[in-house]
C-alpha atoms as a PDB file:
ATOM      1  CA  MET A   1       0.000   0.000   0.000  1.00  0.00           C
ATOM      2  CA  LYS A   2       1.365   3.392  -1.008  1.00  0.00           C
ATOM      3  CA  ILE A   3       0.592   6.053   1.630  1.00  0.00           C
ATOM      4  CA  ALA A   4       1.345   9.742   1.140  1.00  0.00           C
ATOM      5  CA  THR A   5       0.909  12.988   2.992  1.00  0.00           C
ATOM      6  CA  PHE A   6       0.626  16.383   1.319  1.00  0.00           C
ATOM      7  CA  ASN A   7       0.360  19.807   2.936  1.00  0.00           C
ATOM      8  CA  VAL A   8      -1.561  21.182  -0.018  1.00  0.00           C
ATOM      9  CA  ASN A   9      -1.583  24.798   1.281  1.00  0.00           C
ATOM     10  CA  GLY A  10      -4.964  25.520  -0.301  1.00  0.00           C
ATOM     11  CA  VAL A  11      -6.757  22.586  -1.921  1.00  0.00           C
ATOM     12  CA  ASN A  12      -8.665  24.658  -4.453  1.00  0.00           C
ATOM     13  CA  GLY A  13      -5.790  26.974  -5.337  1.00  0.00           C
ATOM     14  CA  ARG A  14      -3.518  23.994  -5.969  1.00  0.00           C
ATOM     15  CA  LEU A  15      -6.106  21.554  -7.270  1.00  0.00           C
ATOM     16  CA  ASP A  16      -4.416  21.198 -10.661  1.00  0.00           C
ATOM     17  CA  VAL A  17      -1.113  20.320  -8.938  1.00  0.00           C
ATOM     18  CA  LEU A  18      -2.862  17.832  -6.642  1.00  0.00           C
ATOM     19  CA  LEU A  19      -4.715  16.125  -9.498  1.00  0.00           C
ATOM     20  CA  ARG A  20      -1.573  15.883 -11.631  1.00  0.00           C
ATOM     21  CA  TRP A  21       0.382  14.438  -8.690  1.00  0.00           C
ATOM     22  CA  LEU A  22      -2.372  11.896  -7.928  1.00  0.00           C
ATOM     23  CA  ASP A  23      -2.317  10.777 -11.556  1.00  0.00           C
ATOM     24  CA  GLU A  24       1.470  10.452 -11.632  1.00  0.00           C
ATOM     25  CA  ALA A  25       2.154   9.014  -8.158  1.00  0.00           C
ATOM     26  CA  ARG A  26      -1.061   6.948  -7.800  1.00  0.00           C
ATOM     27  CA  PRO A  27      -0.952   6.668  -3.999  1.00  0.00           C
ATOM     28  CA  ASP A  28      -3.524   4.353  -2.416  1.00  0.00           C
ATOM     29  CA  VAL A  29      -4.120   6.635   0.565  1.00  0.00           C
ATOM     30  CA  VAL A  30      -3.437  10.363   0.846  1.00  0.00           C
ATOM     31  CA  CYS A  31      -3.696  12.582   3.894  1.00  0.00           C
ATOM     32  CA  LEU A  32      -4.058  16.265   3.037  1.00  0.00           C
ATOM     33  CA  GLN A  33      -3.453  19.159   5.399  1.00  0.00           C
ATOM     34  CA  GLU A  34      -4.028  22.895   5.267  1.00  0.00           C
ATOM     35  CA  LEU A  35      -7.044  22.721   2.978  1.00  0.00           C
ATOM     36  CA  LYS A  36      -7.792  26.425   3.514  1.00  0.00           C
ATOM     37  CA  ALA A  37     -11.385  25.798   2.473  1.00  0.00           C
ATOM     38  CA  PRO A  38     -14.660  25.380   4.319  1.00  0.00           C
ATOM     39  CA  SER A  39     -16.224  21.930   4.014  1.00  0.00           C
ATOM     40  CA  ASN A  40     -18.750  23.039   1.387  1.00  0.00           C
ATOM     41  CA  LYS A  41     -15.900  24.185  -0.911  1.00  0.00           C
ATOM     42  CA  PHE A  42     -13.981  20.887  -0.868  1.00  0.00           C
ATOM     43  CA  PRO A  43     -13.454  19.610  -4.470  1.00  0.00           C
ATOM     44  CA  ARG A  44     -15.112  16.213  -3.944  1.00  0.00           C
ATOM     45  CA  LYS A  45     -16.355  15.815  -7.510  1.00  0.00           C
ATOM     46  CA  GLU A  46     -12.967  16.550  -9.062  1.00  0.00           C
ATOM     47  CA  LEU A  47     -11.295  14.004  -6.778  1.00  0.00           C
ATOM     48  CA  GLU A  48     -13.964  11.406  -7.558  1.00  0.00           C
ATOM     49  CA  ARG A  49     -13.295  11.901 -11.279  1.00  0.00           C
ATOM     50  CA  ALA A  50      -9.627  11.288 -10.512  1.00  0.00           C
ATOM     51  CA  GLY A  51     -10.578   7.982  -8.869  1.00  0.00           C
ATOM     52  CA  TYR A  52     -10.457   8.956  -5.192  1.00  0.00           C
ATOM     53  CA  GLY A  53     -13.058   8.767  -2.472  1.00  0.00           C
ATOM     54  CA  ALA A  54     -12.640  11.285   0.319  1.00  0.00           C
ATOM     55  CA  VAL A  55     -13.625  12.361   3.788  1.00  0.00           C
ATOM     56  CA  TRP A  56     -12.726  15.855   4.923  1.00  0.00           C
ATOM     57  CA  GLN A  57     -13.058  18.421   7.646  1.00  0.00           C
ATOM     58  CA  GLY A  58     -12.732  21.832   6.114  1.00  0.00           C
ATOM     59  CA  GLN A  59     -12.158  25.194   7.699  1.00  0.00           C
ATOM     60  CA  LYS A  60     -11.570  28.647   6.331  1.00  0.00           C
ATOM     61  CA  SER A  61      -8.012  29.983   6.601  1.00  0.00           C
ATOM     62  CA  TRP A  62      -5.060  27.787   7.592  1.00  0.00           C
ATOM     63  CA  ASN A  63      -6.671  24.582   8.787  1.00  0.00           C
ATOM     64  CA  GLY A  64      -8.534  21.639   7.306  1.00  0.00           C
ATOM     65  CA  VAL A  65      -7.654  17.983   6.749  1.00  0.00           C
ATOM     66  CA  ALA A  66      -8.775  15.252   4.351  1.00  0.00           C
ATOM     67  CA  ILE A  67      -8.213  11.553   3.736  1.00  0.00           C
ATOM     68  CA  LEU A  68      -8.355  10.216   0.171  1.00  0.00           C
ATOM     69  CA  ALA A  69      -8.525   6.568  -0.889  1.00  0.00           C
ATOM     70  CA  ARG A  70      -7.938   5.385  -4.450  1.00  0.00           C
ATOM     71  CA  GLY A  71     -10.919   3.438  -5.778  1.00  0.00           C
ATOM     72  CA  GLN A  72     -12.961   3.466  -2.574  1.00  0.00           C
ATOM     73  CA  GLU A  73     -14.639   5.570   0.069  1.00  0.00           C
ATOM     74  CA  PRO A  74     -12.828   5.938   3.390  1.00  0.00           C
ATOM     75  CA  LEU A  75     -15.018   5.118   6.409  1.00  0.00           C
ATOM     76  CA  GLU A  76     -14.816   8.100   8.757  1.00  0.00           C
ATOM     77  CA  THR A  77     -14.403   7.072  12.402  1.00  0.00           C
ATOM     78  CA  ARG A  78     -13.492  10.321  14.172  1.00  0.00           C
ATOM     79  CA  ARG A  79     -13.579  14.027  13.485  1.00  0.00           C
ATOM     80  CA  GLY A  80     -11.450  16.104  15.835  1.00  0.00           C
ATOM     81  CA  LEU A  81      -8.848  15.021  18.353  1.00  0.00           C
ATOM     82  CA  PRO A  82     -10.430  14.018  21.673  1.00  0.00           C
ATOM     83  CA  GLY A  83      -9.525  15.685  24.936  1.00  0.00           C
ATOM     84  CA  ASP A  84     -10.721  19.266  24.419  1.00  0.00           C
ATOM     85  CA  GLN A  85     -14.383  19.682  23.551  1.00  0.00           C
ATOM     86  CA  ASP A  86     -13.850  23.423  22.970  1.00  0.00           C
ATOM     87  CA  ASP A  87     -11.190  22.918  20.270  1.00  0.00           C
ATOM     88  CA  SER A  88     -12.753  24.173  17.046  1.00  0.00           C
ATOM     89  CA  GLN A  89      -9.695  23.904  14.791  1.00  0.00           C
ATOM     90  CA  SER A  90      -9.936  21.367  11.942  1.00  0.00           C
ATOM     91  CA  ARG A  91      -6.687  19.510  12.555  1.00  0.00           C
ATOM     92  CA  TYR A  92      -7.586  15.826  12.997  1.00  0.00           C
ATOM     93  CA  LEU A  93      -9.585  13.342  10.958  1.00  0.00           C
ATOM     94  CA  GLU A  94      -9.680   9.562  11.165  1.00  0.00           C
ATOM     95  CA  ALA A  95     -10.929   6.906   8.758  1.00  0.00           C
ATOM     96  CA  VAL A  96     -10.633   3.178   8.112  1.00  0.00           C
ATOM     97  CA  ILE A  97      -9.319   1.984   4.754  1.00  0.00           C
ATOM     98  CA  ASP A  98      -8.628  -1.705   4.096  1.00  0.00           C
ATOM     99  CA  GLY A  99      -8.670  -2.504   7.821  1.00  0.00           C
ATOM    100  CA  ILE A 100      -6.160   0.211   8.749  1.00  0.00           C
ATOM    101  CA  ILE A 101      -7.048   3.248  10.860  1.00  0.00           C
ATOM    102  CA  PHE A 102      -5.614   6.347   9.191  1.00  0.00           C
ATOM    103  CA  CYS A 103      -5.262   9.438  11.345  1.00  0.00           C
ATOM    104  CA  CYS A 104      -4.694  12.587   9.308  1.00  0.00           C
ATOM    105  CA  LEU A 105      -3.297  15.348  11.476  1.00  0.00           C
ATOM    106  CA  TYR A 106      -2.121  18.891  11.106  1.00  0.00           C
ATOM    107  CA  LEU A 107      -0.374  20.003  14.273  1.00  0.00           C
ATOM    108  CA  PRO A 108      -0.294  23.688  15.168  1.00  0.00           C
ATOM    109  CA  ASN A 109       3.012  25.424  14.473  1.00  0.00           C
ATOM    110  CA  GLY A 110       3.050  27.075  17.905  1.00  0.00           C
ATOM    111  CA  ASN A 111       4.597  30.411  16.982  1.00  0.00           C
ATOM    112  CA  PRO A 112       5.466  32.692  18.651  1.00  0.00           C
ATOM    113  CA  VAL A 113       7.266  31.107  21.592  1.00  0.00           C
ATOM    114  CA  PRO A 114       6.396  31.644  24.385  1.00  0.00           C
ATOM    115  CA  GLY A 115       2.715  32.345  24.093  1.00  0.00           C
ATOM    116  CA  PRO A 116      -0.779  30.888  23.869  1.00  0.00           C
ATOM    117  CA  LYS A 117      -0.200  29.367  20.404  1.00  0.00           C
ATOM    118  CA  PHE A 118       2.824  27.468  21.682  1.00  0.00           C
ATOM    119  CA  GLN A 119       0.888  26.284  24.723  1.00  0.00           C
ATOM    120  CA  TYR A 120      -1.939  25.123  22.410  1.00  0.00           C
ATOM    121  CA  LYS A 121       0.630  23.124  20.413  1.00  0.00           C
ATOM    122  CA  LEU A 122       2.034  21.472  23.544  1.00  0.00           C
ATOM    123  CA  ASP A 123      -1.482  20.648  24.771  1.00  0.00           C
ATOM    124  CA  TRP A 124      -2.369  19.257  21.322  1.00  0.00           C
ATOM    125  CA  PHE A 125       0.735  17.035  21.432  1.00  0.00           C
ATOM    126  CA  ARG A 126      -0.293  15.730  24.861  1.00  0.00           C
ATOM    127  CA  ARG A 127      -3.795  14.944  23.592  1.00  0.00           C
ATOM    128  CA  LEU A 128      -2.352  13.197  20.526  1.00  0.00           C
ATOM    129  CA  HIS A 129       0.022  11.139  22.675  1.00  0.00           C
ATOM    130  CA  SER A 130      -2.796  10.095  25.001  1.00  0.00           C
ATOM    131  CA  TYR A 131      -5.204   9.204  22.197  1.00  0.00           C
ATOM    132  CA  SER A 132      -2.485   7.385  20.235  1.00  0.00           C
ATOM    133  CA  ALA A 133      -1.970   5.086  23.222  1.00  0.00           C
ATOM    134  CA  GLU A 134      -5.703   4.285  23.127  1.00  0.00           C
ATOM    135  CA  LEU A 135      -5.508   3.507  19.422  1.00  0.00           C
ATOM    136  CA  LEU A 136      -2.579   1.148  19.926  1.00  0.00           C
ATOM    137  CA  GLU A 137      -4.548  -0.739  22.581  1.00  0.00           C
ATOM    138  CA  LEU A 138      -7.120  -1.631  19.909  1.00  0.00           C
ATOM    139  CA  GLY A 139      -4.651  -4.095  18.424  1.00  0.00           C
ATOM    140  CA  VAL A 140      -5.329  -3.075  14.821  1.00  0.00           C
ATOM    141  CA  PRO A 141      -2.984  -1.339  12.352  1.00  0.00           C
ATOM    142  CA  VAL A 142      -2.891   2.436  12.807  1.00  0.00           C
ATOM    143  CA  ALA A 143      -1.075   5.080  10.753  1.00  0.00           C
ATOM    144  CA  LEU A 144      -0.553   8.605  12.114  1.00  0.00           C
ATOM    145  CA  VAL A 145       0.009  10.631   8.961  1.00  0.00           C
ATOM    146  CA  GLY A 146       0.304  14.336   8.361  1.00  0.00           C
ATOM    147  CA  ASN A 147       2.125  17.547   9.051  1.00  0.00           C
ATOM    148  CA  PHE A 148       3.597  17.425  12.539  1.00  0.00           C
ATOM    149  CA  ASN A 149       5.041  20.964  12.296  1.00  0.00           C
ATOM    150  CA  VAL A 150       8.278  19.837  13.945  1.00  0.00           C
ATOM    151  CA  MET A 151      11.774  20.660  12.735  1.00  0.00           C
ATOM    152  CA  PRO A 152      14.292  18.486  14.592  1.00  0.00           C
ATOM    153  CA  THR A 153      17.106  19.165  12.092  1.00  0.00           C
ATOM    154  CA  ASP A 154      18.036  21.820   9.551  1.00  0.00           C
ATOM    155  CA  LEU A 155      17.083  19.341   6.795  1.00  0.00           C
ATOM    156  CA  ASP A 156      13.449  19.523   7.953  1.00  0.00           C
ATOM    157  CA  VAL A 157      12.859  23.147   6.983  1.00  0.00           C
ATOM    158  CA  TYR A 158      13.459  25.574   4.155  1.00  0.00           C
ATOM    159  CA  LYS A 159      15.889  28.317   5.245  1.00  0.00           C
ATOM    160  CA  PRO A 160      16.603  27.007   8.767  1.00  0.00           C
ATOM    161  CA  GLU A 161      18.311  30.272   9.744  1.00  0.00           C
ATOM    162  CA  ARG A 162      14.836  31.865   9.885  1.00  0.00           C
ATOM    163  CA  TRP A 163      13.820  29.496  12.710  1.00  0.00           C
ATOM    164  CA  ILE A 164      16.788  29.831  15.107  1.00  0.00           C
END
């Protein structure tokens, strides 16, 4: 199974790039982040014509996640990361495809440090860690896929000097 992740940075603005890449790479499962589109503006029909079923959680501006499956419809199992019922950011979506639980995530970047955005990121990480442990206890295959917004080495970011 070929699994891919793609921070699309605007699904509608880069739809032609996404469709061309899907045609060339032919991944079986794709997790998209940073849709930058509300749910009613997600390009479902265009993706279906390209051979992909999809589930998505859109949101205007920077957020939004989607899971695509080639030749089938993903079965959505969770929308939103548990642990904070007041969290309204579209950053987590979960679906089953071929017996595997796929968790598409888009972690907050946390800038500036220190501050409330960084604290939100740390809290989000804690929630993800806690929920991931629950998923592992299920005893079924699980894939955490997405944009973790973490840069452990200079190779993980464009122009690392900007992030010192």
